[in-house]
Amino acid sequence: MSRRVIGHFIYFMTSSAATGALGAFTVVVMIAHYGASEEVAGAVLTAYLGAAAFGVIFGGILADRTQRHDLVLVITMGGAAAVTAAAATGMLGFWLCALALTLAGFAKGVVMPSRDLMVRQDAPAGLLGAVVAFTTIGFTVGNGSAPAIAGWMVDRGDPLYVFWLAAALAFVSIASVVVARRGPQAPKIKLETGS
């Protein structure tokens, strides 16, 4: 329960919530706000998810070439949050909005390998499995709750609120890791195993 591990938990929860909201409601927003057909709106979602997959490949190469995984996280998630917020304004045309979401997907993919390596770096010796399990709970909570919250927001107001929600959660995810990593790292404690 070190500050860094809790920061990772919050990061996993908020970043997965941002991704979950976009994954569940991008099609709804594109139809409701832009009047797109279901097929075209689905293609935008496919571009977002496909770009994320390519981003993971690029992110893996980048993670092998840097030790500043925290910097990778801030830049990529910051970029994803910024372009999602731009889409949320409703001032972008349809194709610019689609491009912004595709860029957000790519950026979120790039951060994944660095994010996982940060968890490994910050886990106390002998507790990597427990830390991964703990942070995965955050992922599950965020991914499971975001669609319900986003759906409620769509029912109560402008569908673009979904994009605002995703952008805000992405910014919170960045802050959770930056604040948690400002202090010294918890000492690496090797657990003794009985014979």
N, C-alpha and C. Protein backbone atom coordinates (compact mmCIF):
# COMPACT_ATOMS: atom_id res chain seq x y z
N MET A 1 0.83 -1.21 0.00
CA MET A 1 0.00 0.00 0.00
C MET A 1 0.87 1.26 0.00
N SER A 2 1.97 1.25 -0.71
CA SER A 2 2.80 2.44 -0.82
C SER A 2 2.08 3.49 -1.65
N ARG A 3 2.55 4.72 -1.54
CA ARG A 3 1.92 5.81 -2.29
C ARG A 3 1.99 5.56 -3.78
N ARG A 4 3.12 5.03 -4.24
CA ARG A 4 3.27 4.78 -5.67
C ARG A 4 2.30 3.70 -6.15
N VAL A 5 2.14 2.67 -5.38
CA VAL A 5 1.23 1.58 -5.78
C VAL A 5 -0.21 2.09 -5.79
N ILE A 6 -0.58 2.88 -4.81
CA ILE A 6 -1.93 3.46 -4.80
C ILE A 6 -2.11 4.38 -6.00
N GLY A 7 -1.05 5.13 -6.34
CA GLY A 7 -1.10 5.97 -7.54
C GLY A 7 -1.35 5.16 -8.79
N HIS A 8 -0.71 3.99 -8.89
CA HIS A 8 -0.95 3.12 -10.04
C HIS A 8 -2.38 2.61 -10.05
N PHE A 9 -2.91 2.28 -8.88
CA PHE A 9 -4.30 1.82 -8.79
C PHE A 9 -5.24 2.90 -9.33
N ILE A 10 -5.04 4.14 -8.88
CA ILE A 10 -5.90 5.23 -9.34
C ILE A 10 -5.71 5.45 -10.84
N TYR A 11 -4.46 5.35 -11.29
CA TYR A 11 -4.20 5.51 -12.73
C TYR A 11 -4.95 4.46 -13.53
N PHE A 12 -4.83 3.20 -13.13
CA PHE A 12 -5.51 2.13 -13.86
C PHE A 12 -7.02 2.35 -13.86
N MET A 13 -7.56 2.77 -12.73
CA MET A 13 -9.00 2.97 -12.63
C MET A 13 -9.47 4.11 -13.53
N THR A 14 -8.79 5.26 -13.46
CA THR A 14 -9.25 6.42 -14.23
C THR A 14 -8.94 6.29 -15.72
N SER A 15 -7.78 5.77 -16.07
CA SER A 15 -7.45 5.65 -17.49
C SER A 15 -8.34 4.60 -18.16
N SER A 16 -8.63 3.50 -17.47
CA SER A 16 -9.51 2.50 -18.06
C SER A 16 -10.94 3.02 -18.15
N ALA A 17 -11.34 3.87 -17.19
CA ALA A 17 -12.66 4.47 -17.25
C ALA A 17 -12.77 5.40 -18.46
N ALA A 18 -11.72 6.16 -18.72
CA ALA A 18 -11.71 7.04 -19.89
C ALA A 18 -11.83 6.23 -21.17
N THR A 19 -11.05 5.15 -21.25
CA THR A 19 -11.09 4.29 -22.43
C THR A 19 -12.43 3.59 -22.55
N GLY A 20 -12.96 3.13 -21.41
CA GLY A 20 -14.25 2.44 -21.42
C GLY A 20 -15.39 3.33 -21.87
N ALA A 21 -15.37 4.60 -21.44
CA ALA A 21 -16.41 5.54 -21.85
C ALA A 21 -16.38 5.76 -23.35
N LEU A 22 -15.18 5.94 -23.90
CA LEU A 22 -15.06 6.15 -25.34
C LEU A 22 -15.44 4.90 -26.12
N GLY A 23 -14.98 3.75 -25.63
CA GLY A 23 -15.29 2.50 -26.31
C GLY A 23 -16.77 2.21 -26.36
N ALA A 24 -17.47 2.54 -25.29
CA ALA A 24 -18.90 2.22 -25.21
C ALA A 24 -19.78 3.24 -25.91
N PHE A 25 -19.33 4.52 -26.00
CA PHE A 25 -20.25 5.55 -26.45
C PHE A 25 -19.78 6.41 -27.62
N THR A 26 -18.63 6.10 -28.20
CA THR A 26 -18.20 6.87 -29.37
C THR A 26 -19.23 6.78 -30.49
N VAL A 27 -19.74 5.60 -30.74
CA VAL A 27 -20.73 5.43 -31.81
C VAL A 27 -21.97 6.27 -31.51
N VAL A 28 -22.42 6.24 -30.27
CA VAL A 28 -23.60 7.02 -29.88
C VAL A 28 -23.36 8.51 -30.11
N VAL A 29 -22.18 9.00 -29.70
CA VAL A 29 -21.89 10.42 -29.84
C VAL A 29 -21.82 10.82 -31.31
N MET A 30 -21.16 10.02 -32.12
CA MET A 30 -21.01 10.36 -33.53
C MET A 30 -22.36 10.38 -34.25
N ILE A 31 -23.26 9.51 -33.85
CA ILE A 31 -24.59 9.51 -34.45
C ILE A 31 -25.42 10.68 -33.93
N ALA A 32 -25.42 10.86 -32.61
CA ALA A 32 -26.28 11.88 -32.00
C ALA A 32 -25.82 13.30 -32.31
N HIS A 33 -24.51 13.54 -32.27
CA HIS A 33 -24.02 14.90 -32.46
C HIS A 33 -23.78 15.24 -33.93
N TYR A 34 -23.23 14.29 -34.69
CA TYR A 34 -22.87 14.57 -36.08
C TYR A 34 -23.85 14.02 -37.10
N GLY A 35 -24.79 13.21 -36.65
CA GLY A 35 -25.73 12.62 -37.58
C GLY A 35 -25.12 11.57 -38.49
N ALA A 36 -24.03 10.96 -38.04
CA ALA A 36 -23.37 9.93 -38.84
C ALA A 36 -24.22 8.66 -38.89
N SER A 37 -24.02 7.89 -39.93
CA SER A 37 -24.69 6.60 -40.00
C SER A 37 -24.03 5.64 -39.01
N GLU A 38 -24.72 4.56 -38.71
CA GLU A 38 -24.15 3.57 -37.78
C GLU A 38 -22.85 2.99 -38.33
N GLU A 39 -22.80 2.79 -39.64
CA GLU A 39 -21.61 2.20 -40.26
C GLU A 39 -20.41 3.14 -40.13
N VAL A 40 -20.62 4.41 -40.44
CA VAL A 40 -19.51 5.38 -40.37
C VAL A 40 -19.09 5.59 -38.92
N ALA A 41 -20.06 5.70 -38.01
CA ALA A 41 -19.73 5.86 -36.60
C ALA A 41 -18.96 4.65 -36.08
N GLY A 42 -19.36 3.47 -36.53
CA GLY A 42 -18.62 2.26 -36.15
C GLY A 42 -17.21 2.26 -36.70
N ALA A 43 -17.03 2.82 -37.89
CA ALA A 43 -15.69 2.90 -38.47
C ALA A 43 -14.79 3.82 -37.65
N VAL A 44 -15.36 4.90 -37.08
CA VAL A 44 -14.58 5.79 -36.22
C VAL A 44 -14.11 5.04 -34.97
N LEU A 45 -15.01 4.27 -34.38
CA LEU A 45 -14.62 3.47 -33.21
C LEU A 45 -13.55 2.45 -33.57
N THR A 46 -13.69 1.83 -34.74
CA THR A 46 -12.69 0.86 -35.19
C THR A 46 -11.33 1.53 -35.37
N ALA A 47 -11.34 2.76 -35.91
CA ALA A 47 -10.08 3.49 -36.09
C ALA A 47 -9.44 3.79 -34.73
N TYR A 48 -10.26 4.16 -33.76
CA TYR A 48 -9.77 4.44 -32.40
C TYR A 48 -9.11 3.20 -31.80
N LEU A 49 -9.80 2.07 -31.88
CA LEU A 49 -9.29 0.83 -31.30
C LEU A 49 -8.09 0.29 -32.07
N GLY A 50 -8.15 0.40 -33.40
CA GLY A 50 -7.02 -0.05 -34.22
C GLY A 50 -5.77 0.77 -33.97
N ALA A 51 -5.95 2.09 -33.85
CA ALA A 51 -4.81 2.96 -33.57
C ALA A 51 -4.19 2.62 -32.22
N ALA A 52 -5.03 2.25 -31.25
CA ALA A 52 -4.51 1.86 -29.94
C ALA A 52 -3.63 0.61 -30.06
N ALA A 53 -4.05 -0.33 -30.89
CA ALA A 53 -3.25 -1.55 -31.08
C ALA A 53 -1.89 -1.23 -31.70
N PHE A 54 -1.88 -0.37 -32.71
CA PHE A 54 -0.60 0.04 -33.31
C PHE A 54 0.23 0.84 -32.32
N GLY A 55 -0.44 1.62 -31.48
CA GLY A 55 0.27 2.38 -30.47
C GLY A 55 1.01 1.50 -29.48
N VAL A 56 0.43 0.36 -29.14
CA VAL A 56 1.09 -0.57 -28.22
C VAL A 56 2.40 -1.06 -28.82
N ILE A 57 2.40 -1.37 -30.10
CA ILE A 57 3.63 -1.83 -30.76
C ILE A 57 4.70 -0.75 -30.69
N PHE A 58 4.33 0.46 -31.08
CA PHE A 58 5.27 1.58 -31.02
C PHE A 58 5.72 1.83 -29.59
N GLY A 59 4.77 1.74 -28.65
CA GLY A 59 5.09 1.97 -27.25
C GLY A 59 6.05 0.94 -26.69
N GLY A 60 5.96 -0.30 -27.16
CA GLY A 60 6.90 -1.33 -26.71
C GLY A 60 8.32 -1.02 -27.15
N ILE A 61 8.46 -0.54 -28.39
CA ILE A 61 9.79 -0.16 -28.89
C ILE A 61 10.32 1.03 -28.09
N LEU A 62 9.45 2.00 -27.85
CA LEU A 62 9.85 3.19 -27.08
C LEU A 62 10.23 2.82 -25.65
N ALA A 63 9.48 1.93 -25.04
CA ALA A 63 9.76 1.54 -23.65
C ALA A 63 11.12 0.88 -23.51
N ASP A 64 11.56 0.19 -24.56
CA ASP A 64 12.88 -0.45 -24.52
C ASP A 64 14.02 0.56 -24.68
N ARG A 65 13.70 1.77 -25.14
CA ARG A 65 14.74 2.75 -25.44
C ARG A 65 14.80 3.90 -24.44
N THR A 66 13.97 3.84 -23.41
CA THR A 66 13.98 4.91 -22.42
C THR A 66 13.81 4.35 -21.02
N GLN A 67 14.32 5.09 -20.06
CA GLN A 67 14.08 4.79 -18.65
C GLN A 67 13.04 5.73 -18.06
N ARG A 68 12.65 6.76 -18.82
CA ARG A 68 11.70 7.77 -18.34
C ARG A 68 10.28 7.38 -18.72
N HIS A 69 9.83 6.28 -18.16
CA HIS A 69 8.48 5.80 -18.46
C HIS A 69 7.42 6.77 -17.93
N ASP A 70 7.74 7.47 -16.85
CA ASP A 70 6.81 8.46 -16.34
C ASP A 70 6.61 9.61 -17.33
N LEU A 71 7.69 10.00 -18.01
CA LEU A 71 7.60 11.06 -19.00
C LEU A 71 6.77 10.61 -20.21
N VAL A 72 6.98 9.36 -20.61
CA VAL A 72 6.17 8.81 -21.71
C VAL A 72 4.69 8.86 -21.34
N LEU A 73 4.38 8.50 -20.10
CA LEU A 73 2.99 8.51 -19.64
C LEU A 73 2.41 9.92 -19.68
N VAL A 74 3.14 10.88 -19.17
CA VAL A 74 2.63 12.26 -19.12
C VAL A 74 2.39 12.80 -20.53
N ILE A 75 3.33 12.57 -21.43
CA ILE A 75 3.20 13.12 -22.78
C ILE A 75 2.07 12.44 -23.54
N THR A 76 2.04 11.11 -23.50
CA THR A 76 1.04 10.40 -24.31
C THR A 76 -0.37 10.57 -23.76
N MET A 77 -0.53 10.41 -22.44
CA MET A 77 -1.87 10.58 -21.87
C MET A 77 -2.30 12.05 -21.92
N GLY A 78 -1.34 12.95 -21.78
CA GLY A 78 -1.66 14.37 -21.91
C GLY A 78 -2.15 14.69 -23.32
N GLY A 79 -1.48 14.11 -24.31
CA GLY A 79 -1.92 14.30 -25.70
C GLY A 79 -3.29 13.72 -25.94
N ALA A 80 -3.53 12.51 -25.41
CA ALA A 80 -4.84 11.87 -25.57
C ALA A 80 -5.93 12.70 -24.91
N ALA A 81 -5.65 13.22 -23.71
CA ALA A 81 -6.64 14.04 -23.01
C ALA A 81 -6.92 15.33 -23.77
N ALA A 82 -5.87 15.94 -24.33
CA ALA A 82 -6.03 17.22 -25.03
C ALA A 82 -6.89 17.06 -26.28
N VAL A 83 -6.60 16.03 -27.09
CA VAL A 83 -7.37 15.88 -28.33
C VAL A 83 -8.80 15.42 -28.03
N THR A 84 -8.98 14.66 -26.95
CA THR A 84 -10.34 14.27 -26.56
C THR A 84 -11.13 15.49 -26.10
N ALA A 85 -10.46 16.38 -25.35
CA ALA A 85 -11.12 17.62 -24.93
C ALA A 85 -11.47 18.49 -26.13
N ALA A 86 -10.58 18.51 -27.13
CA ALA A 86 -10.88 19.28 -28.35
C ALA A 86 -12.12 18.72 -29.03
N ALA A 87 -12.22 17.39 -29.09
CA ALA A 87 -13.42 16.77 -29.67
C ALA A 87 -14.66 17.10 -28.85
N ALA A 88 -14.49 17.21 -27.54
CA ALA A 88 -15.62 17.46 -26.65
C ALA A 88 -16.23 18.85 -26.84
N THR A 89 -15.44 19.79 -27.36
CA THR A 89 -15.97 21.13 -27.56
C THR A 89 -17.08 21.16 -28.61
N GLY A 90 -17.10 20.17 -29.50
CA GLY A 90 -18.08 20.16 -30.58
C GLY A 90 -17.73 21.10 -31.71
N MET A 91 -16.57 21.77 -31.62
CA MET A 91 -16.18 22.73 -32.63
C MET A 91 -15.45 22.09 -33.80
N LEU A 92 -15.03 20.85 -33.64
CA LEU A 92 -14.36 20.15 -34.73
C LEU A 92 -15.40 19.57 -35.68
N GLY A 93 -15.09 19.61 -36.95
CA GLY A 93 -15.94 18.92 -37.91
C GLY A 93 -15.87 17.42 -37.71
N PHE A 94 -16.72 16.70 -38.39
CA PHE A 94 -16.79 15.25 -38.19
C PHE A 94 -15.44 14.59 -38.41
N TRP A 95 -14.79 14.87 -39.53
CA TRP A 95 -13.55 14.16 -39.85
C TRP A 95 -12.41 14.58 -38.93
N LEU A 96 -12.39 15.84 -38.51
CA LEU A 96 -11.38 16.26 -37.53
C LEU A 96 -11.62 15.58 -36.19
N CYS A 97 -12.87 15.42 -35.82
CA CYS A 97 -13.20 14.71 -34.58
C CYS A 97 -12.75 13.26 -34.68
N ALA A 98 -13.01 12.64 -35.82
CA ALA A 98 -12.58 11.25 -36.02
C ALA A 98 -11.06 11.13 -35.94
N LEU A 99 -10.35 12.11 -36.52
CA LEU A 99 -8.89 12.11 -36.45
C LEU A 99 -8.41 12.28 -35.02
N ALA A 100 -9.07 13.19 -34.28
CA ALA A 100 -8.69 13.42 -32.88
C ALA A 100 -8.85 12.14 -32.06
N LEU A 101 -9.94 11.43 -32.26
CA LEU A 101 -10.16 10.19 -31.51
C LEU A 101 -9.15 9.12 -31.90
N THR A 102 -8.80 9.08 -33.19
CA THR A 102 -7.79 8.11 -33.64
C THR A 102 -6.45 8.41 -32.99
N LEU A 103 -6.08 9.68 -32.93
CA LEU A 103 -4.83 10.07 -32.27
C LEU A 103 -4.87 9.73 -30.78
N ALA A 104 -6.03 9.94 -30.15
CA ALA A 104 -6.17 9.59 -28.73
C ALA A 104 -5.97 8.09 -28.52
N GLY A 105 -6.54 7.30 -29.41
CA GLY A 105 -6.37 5.85 -29.31
C GLY A 105 -4.92 5.45 -29.45
N PHE A 106 -4.22 6.04 -30.42
CA PHE A 106 -2.81 5.73 -30.62
C PHE A 106 -2.00 6.09 -29.38
N ALA A 107 -2.25 7.28 -28.83
CA ALA A 107 -1.50 7.73 -27.65
C ALA A 107 -1.74 6.81 -26.46
N LYS A 108 -2.98 6.38 -26.28
CA LYS A 108 -3.28 5.49 -25.16
C LYS A 108 -2.62 4.12 -25.34
N GLY A 109 -2.44 3.71 -26.58
CA GLY A 109 -1.72 2.47 -26.83
C GLY A 109 -0.24 2.60 -26.52
N VAL A 110 0.35 3.74 -26.91
CA VAL A 110 1.78 3.95 -26.70
C VAL A 110 2.14 3.86 -25.22
N VAL A 111 1.28 4.34 -24.35
CA VAL A 111 1.61 4.41 -22.93
C VAL A 111 1.59 3.04 -22.25
N MET A 112 0.90 2.08 -22.81
CA MET A 112 0.68 0.82 -22.09
C MET A 112 1.96 0.09 -21.68
N PRO A 113 2.94 -0.12 -22.57
CA PRO A 113 4.16 -0.81 -22.11
C PRO A 113 4.90 -0.04 -21.02
N SER A 114 5.01 1.28 -21.16
CA SER A 114 5.69 2.07 -20.13
C SER A 114 4.93 2.02 -18.82
N ARG A 115 3.61 2.05 -18.89
CA ARG A 115 2.78 1.95 -17.68
C ARG A 115 3.07 0.65 -16.95
N ASP A 116 3.12 -0.45 -17.69
CA ASP A 116 3.35 -1.74 -17.06
C ASP A 116 4.76 -1.85 -16.46
N LEU A 117 5.74 -1.26 -17.15
CA LEU A 117 7.10 -1.29 -16.61
C LEU A 117 7.22 -0.43 -15.35
N MET A 118 6.44 0.66 -15.29
CA MET A 118 6.44 1.48 -14.07
C MET A 118 5.89 0.69 -12.89
N VAL A 119 4.85 -0.08 -13.13
CA VAL A 119 4.29 -0.91 -12.06
C VAL A 119 5.36 -1.89 -11.56
N ARG A 120 6.08 -2.48 -12.49
CA ARG A 120 7.13 -3.43 -12.10
C ARG A 120 8.22 -2.73 -11.31
N GLN A 121 8.61 -1.53 -11.73
CA GLN A 121 9.66 -0.79 -11.02
C GLN A 121 9.24 -0.44 -9.60
N ASP A 122 7.97 -0.10 -9.42
CA ASP A 122 7.50 0.40 -8.14
C ASP A 122 7.01 -0.70 -7.19
N ALA A 123 6.92 -1.92 -7.68
CA ALA A 123 6.45 -3.02 -6.82
C ALA A 123 7.57 -3.45 -5.87
N PRO A 124 7.27 -3.61 -4.59
CA PRO A 124 8.28 -4.14 -3.67
C PRO A 124 8.73 -5.53 -4.11
N ALA A 125 9.96 -5.86 -3.82
CA ALA A 125 10.50 -7.17 -4.18
C ALA A 125 9.64 -8.27 -3.59
N GLY A 126 9.32 -9.24 -4.40
CA GLY A 126 8.52 -10.37 -3.94
C GLY A 126 7.03 -10.14 -3.95
N LEU A 127 6.60 -8.92 -4.35
CA LEU A 127 5.17 -8.60 -4.32
C LEU A 127 4.65 -8.14 -5.68
N LEU A 128 5.37 -8.44 -6.75
CA LEU A 128 4.93 -7.99 -8.07
C LEU A 128 3.55 -8.54 -8.41
N GLY A 129 3.33 -9.82 -8.13
CA GLY A 129 2.03 -10.42 -8.42
C GLY A 129 0.90 -9.75 -7.66
N ALA A 130 1.13 -9.46 -6.38
CA ALA A 130 0.11 -8.80 -5.57
C ALA A 130 -0.17 -7.39 -6.07
N VAL A 131 0.88 -6.67 -6.46
CA VAL A 131 0.70 -5.31 -6.96
C VAL A 131 -0.05 -5.33 -8.29
N VAL A 132 0.31 -6.24 -9.17
CA VAL A 132 -0.40 -6.35 -10.46
C VAL A 132 -1.87 -6.69 -10.22
N ALA A 133 -2.13 -7.59 -9.29
CA ALA A 133 -3.52 -7.95 -8.97
C ALA A 133 -4.28 -6.74 -8.43
N PHE A 134 -3.64 -5.98 -7.55
CA PHE A 134 -4.27 -4.80 -6.96
C PHE A 134 -4.60 -3.75 -8.02
N THR A 135 -3.62 -3.46 -8.90
CA THR A 135 -3.86 -2.46 -9.94
C THR A 135 -4.89 -2.95 -10.95
N THR A 136 -4.93 -4.25 -11.18
CA THR A 136 -5.92 -4.80 -12.11
C THR A 136 -7.34 -4.62 -11.58
N ILE A 137 -7.49 -4.64 -10.26
CA ILE A 137 -8.80 -4.34 -9.68
C ILE A 137 -9.24 -2.93 -10.07
N GLY A 138 -8.28 -1.99 -10.02
CA GLY A 138 -8.58 -0.62 -10.45
C GLY A 138 -9.02 -0.58 -11.90
N PHE A 139 -8.34 -1.35 -12.75
CA PHE A 139 -8.71 -1.43 -14.16
C PHE A 139 -10.14 -1.94 -14.31
N THR A 140 -10.47 -2.97 -13.57
CA THR A 140 -11.81 -3.57 -13.66
C THR A 140 -12.89 -2.61 -13.17
N VAL A 141 -12.61 -1.91 -12.07
CA VAL A 141 -13.58 -0.95 -11.54
C VAL A 141 -13.83 0.17 -12.55
N GLY A 142 -12.75 0.72 -13.09
CA GLY A 142 -12.89 1.81 -14.05
C GLY A 142 -13.60 1.39 -15.32
N ASN A 143 -13.19 0.27 -15.86
CA ASN A 143 -13.77 -0.21 -17.12
C ASN A 143 -15.22 -0.61 -16.94
N GLY A 144 -15.57 -1.10 -15.75
CA GLY A 144 -16.94 -1.53 -15.52
C GLY A 144 -17.90 -0.41 -15.19
N SER A 145 -17.39 0.66 -14.56
CA SER A 145 -18.29 1.73 -14.13
C SER A 145 -18.45 2.83 -15.16
N ALA A 146 -17.46 3.07 -16.00
CA ALA A 146 -17.50 4.20 -16.92
C ALA A 146 -18.68 4.16 -17.90
N PRO A 147 -18.97 3.01 -18.52
CA PRO A 147 -20.11 3.02 -19.45
C PRO A 147 -21.43 3.41 -18.79
N ALA A 148 -21.64 2.97 -17.55
CA ALA A 148 -22.88 3.33 -16.86
C ALA A 148 -22.94 4.83 -16.59
N ILE A 149 -21.81 5.41 -16.17
CA ILE A 149 -21.77 6.85 -15.90
C ILE A 149 -21.95 7.63 -17.20
N ALA A 150 -21.25 7.20 -18.25
CA ALA A 150 -21.36 7.89 -19.54
C ALA A 150 -22.78 7.80 -20.09
N GLY A 151 -23.41 6.65 -19.93
CA GLY A 151 -24.78 6.49 -20.39
C GLY A 151 -25.73 7.40 -19.65
N TRP A 152 -25.53 7.53 -18.34
CA TRP A 152 -26.35 8.45 -17.55
C TRP A 152 -26.17 9.88 -18.03
N MET A 153 -24.91 10.25 -18.37
CA MET A 153 -24.64 11.60 -18.85
C MET A 153 -25.31 11.86 -20.19
N VAL A 154 -25.30 10.86 -21.06
CA VAL A 154 -25.97 11.01 -22.36
C VAL A 154 -27.47 11.21 -22.16
N ASP A 155 -28.05 10.44 -21.25
CA ASP A 155 -29.48 10.56 -20.99
C ASP A 155 -29.85 11.90 -20.37
N ARG A 156 -28.92 12.52 -19.66
CA ARG A 156 -29.22 13.75 -18.94
C ARG A 156 -28.85 15.02 -19.72
N GLY A 157 -28.10 14.89 -20.79
CA GLY A 157 -27.66 16.10 -21.48
C GLY A 157 -27.02 15.83 -22.81
N ASP A 158 -26.04 16.64 -23.16
CA ASP A 158 -25.35 16.59 -24.44
C ASP A 158 -24.50 15.32 -24.53
N PRO A 159 -24.57 14.59 -25.66
CA PRO A 159 -23.73 13.40 -25.79
C PRO A 159 -22.24 13.72 -25.74
N LEU A 160 -21.86 14.95 -26.06
CA LEU A 160 -20.45 15.32 -25.99
C LEU A 160 -19.90 15.28 -24.57
N TYR A 161 -20.79 15.21 -23.57
CA TYR A 161 -20.33 15.06 -22.19
C TYR A 161 -19.47 13.80 -22.03
N VAL A 162 -19.71 12.80 -22.87
CA VAL A 162 -18.91 11.58 -22.82
C VAL A 162 -17.44 11.91 -23.09
N PHE A 163 -17.19 12.76 -24.08
CA PHE A 163 -15.81 13.13 -24.40
C PHE A 163 -15.20 13.98 -23.28
N TRP A 164 -16.01 14.86 -22.69
CA TRP A 164 -15.50 15.64 -21.56
C TRP A 164 -15.13 14.72 -20.40
N LEU A 165 -15.98 13.74 -20.14
CA LEU A 165 -15.70 12.78 -19.08
C LEU A 165 -14.39 12.04 -19.35
N ALA A 166 -14.22 11.56 -20.57
CA ALA A 166 -13.01 10.81 -20.92
C ALA A 166 -11.77 11.69 -20.80
N ALA A 167 -11.85 12.94 -21.23
CA ALA A 167 -10.71 13.85 -21.14
C ALA A 167 -10.36 14.14 -19.68
N ALA A 168 -11.39 14.41 -18.86
CA ALA A 168 -11.15 14.70 -17.44
C ALA A 168 -10.51 13.51 -16.74
N LEU A 169 -11.01 12.32 -17.01
CA LEU A 169 -10.45 11.12 -16.38
C LEU A 169 -9.00 10.90 -16.81
N ALA A 170 -8.69 11.20 -18.07
CA ALA A 170 -7.31 11.05 -18.54
C ALA A 170 -6.38 12.01 -17.81
N PHE A 171 -6.84 13.25 -17.59
CA PHE A 171 -6.02 14.21 -16.85
C PHE A 171 -5.83 13.76 -15.40
N VAL A 172 -6.87 13.22 -14.79
CA VAL A 172 -6.76 12.72 -13.42
C VAL A 172 -5.78 11.55 -13.35
N SER A 173 -5.80 10.70 -14.37
CA SER A 173 -4.88 9.56 -14.39
C SER A 173 -3.43 10.02 -14.41
N ILE A 174 -3.16 11.07 -15.17
CA ILE A 174 -1.79 11.62 -15.22
C ILE A 174 -1.41 12.14 -13.82
N ALA A 175 -2.30 12.92 -13.24
CA ALA A 175 -2.01 13.51 -11.93
C ALA A 175 -1.76 12.45 -10.88
N SER A 176 -2.49 11.35 -10.95
CA SER A 176 -2.35 10.31 -9.92
C SER A 176 -0.94 9.73 -9.91
N VAL A 177 -0.36 9.55 -11.08
CA VAL A 177 0.99 8.98 -11.14
C VAL A 177 2.04 10.03 -10.82
N VAL A 178 1.87 11.24 -11.35
CA VAL A 178 2.85 12.30 -11.11
C VAL A 178 2.95 12.61 -9.62
N VAL A 179 1.80 12.78 -8.96
CA VAL A 179 1.80 13.09 -7.53
C VAL A 179 2.38 11.93 -6.72
N ALA A 180 2.01 10.71 -7.08
CA ALA A 180 2.48 9.54 -6.32
C ALA A 180 3.97 9.34 -6.45
N ARG A 181 4.55 9.73 -7.58
CA ARG A 181 5.98 9.48 -7.80
C ARG A 181 6.86 10.66 -7.39
N ARG A 182 6.29 11.69 -6.80
CA ARG A 182 7.10 12.84 -6.40
C ARG A 182 7.98 12.53 -5.20
N GLY A 183 7.51 11.69 -4.34
CA GLY A 183 8.29 11.35 -3.15
C GLY A 183 9.25 10.22 -3.43
N PRO A 184 10.03 9.85 -2.42
CA PRO A 184 10.98 8.73 -2.60
C PRO A 184 10.24 7.41 -2.76
N GLN A 185 10.88 6.50 -3.46
CA GLN A 185 10.29 5.19 -3.66
C GLN A 185 10.36 4.40 -2.37
N ALA A 186 9.32 3.63 -2.12
CA ALA A 186 9.33 2.77 -0.94
C ALA A 186 10.48 1.79 -1.04
N PRO A 187 11.10 1.45 0.09
CA PRO A 187 12.22 0.51 0.04
C PRO A 187 11.79 -0.85 -0.49
N LYS A 188 12.70 -1.46 -1.24
CA LYS A 188 12.43 -2.79 -1.77
C LYS A 188 12.60 -3.81 -0.65
N ILE A 189 11.50 -4.38 -0.23
CA ILE A 189 11.52 -5.33 0.89
C ILE A 189 11.40 -6.74 0.33
N LYS A 190 12.37 -7.53 0.62
CA LYS A 190 12.35 -8.93 0.17
C LYS A 190 11.65 -9.75 1.22
N LEU A 191 10.56 -10.40 0.81
CA LEU A 191 9.82 -11.24 1.76
C LEU A 191 10.53 -12.56 1.96
N GLU A 192 10.61 -12.96 3.20
CA GLU A 192 11.20 -14.26 3.52
C GLU A 192 10.17 -15.34 3.30
N THR A 193 10.56 -16.40 2.65
CA THR A 193 9.65 -17.52 2.43
C THR A 193 10.05 -18.67 3.33
N GLY A 194 9.07 -19.27 3.93
CA GLY A 194 9.35 -20.40 4.81
C GLY A 194 9.72 -21.64 4.04
N SER A 195 10.38 -22.54 4.70
CA SER A 195 10.79 -23.79 4.03
C SER A 195 9.74 -24.86 4.26
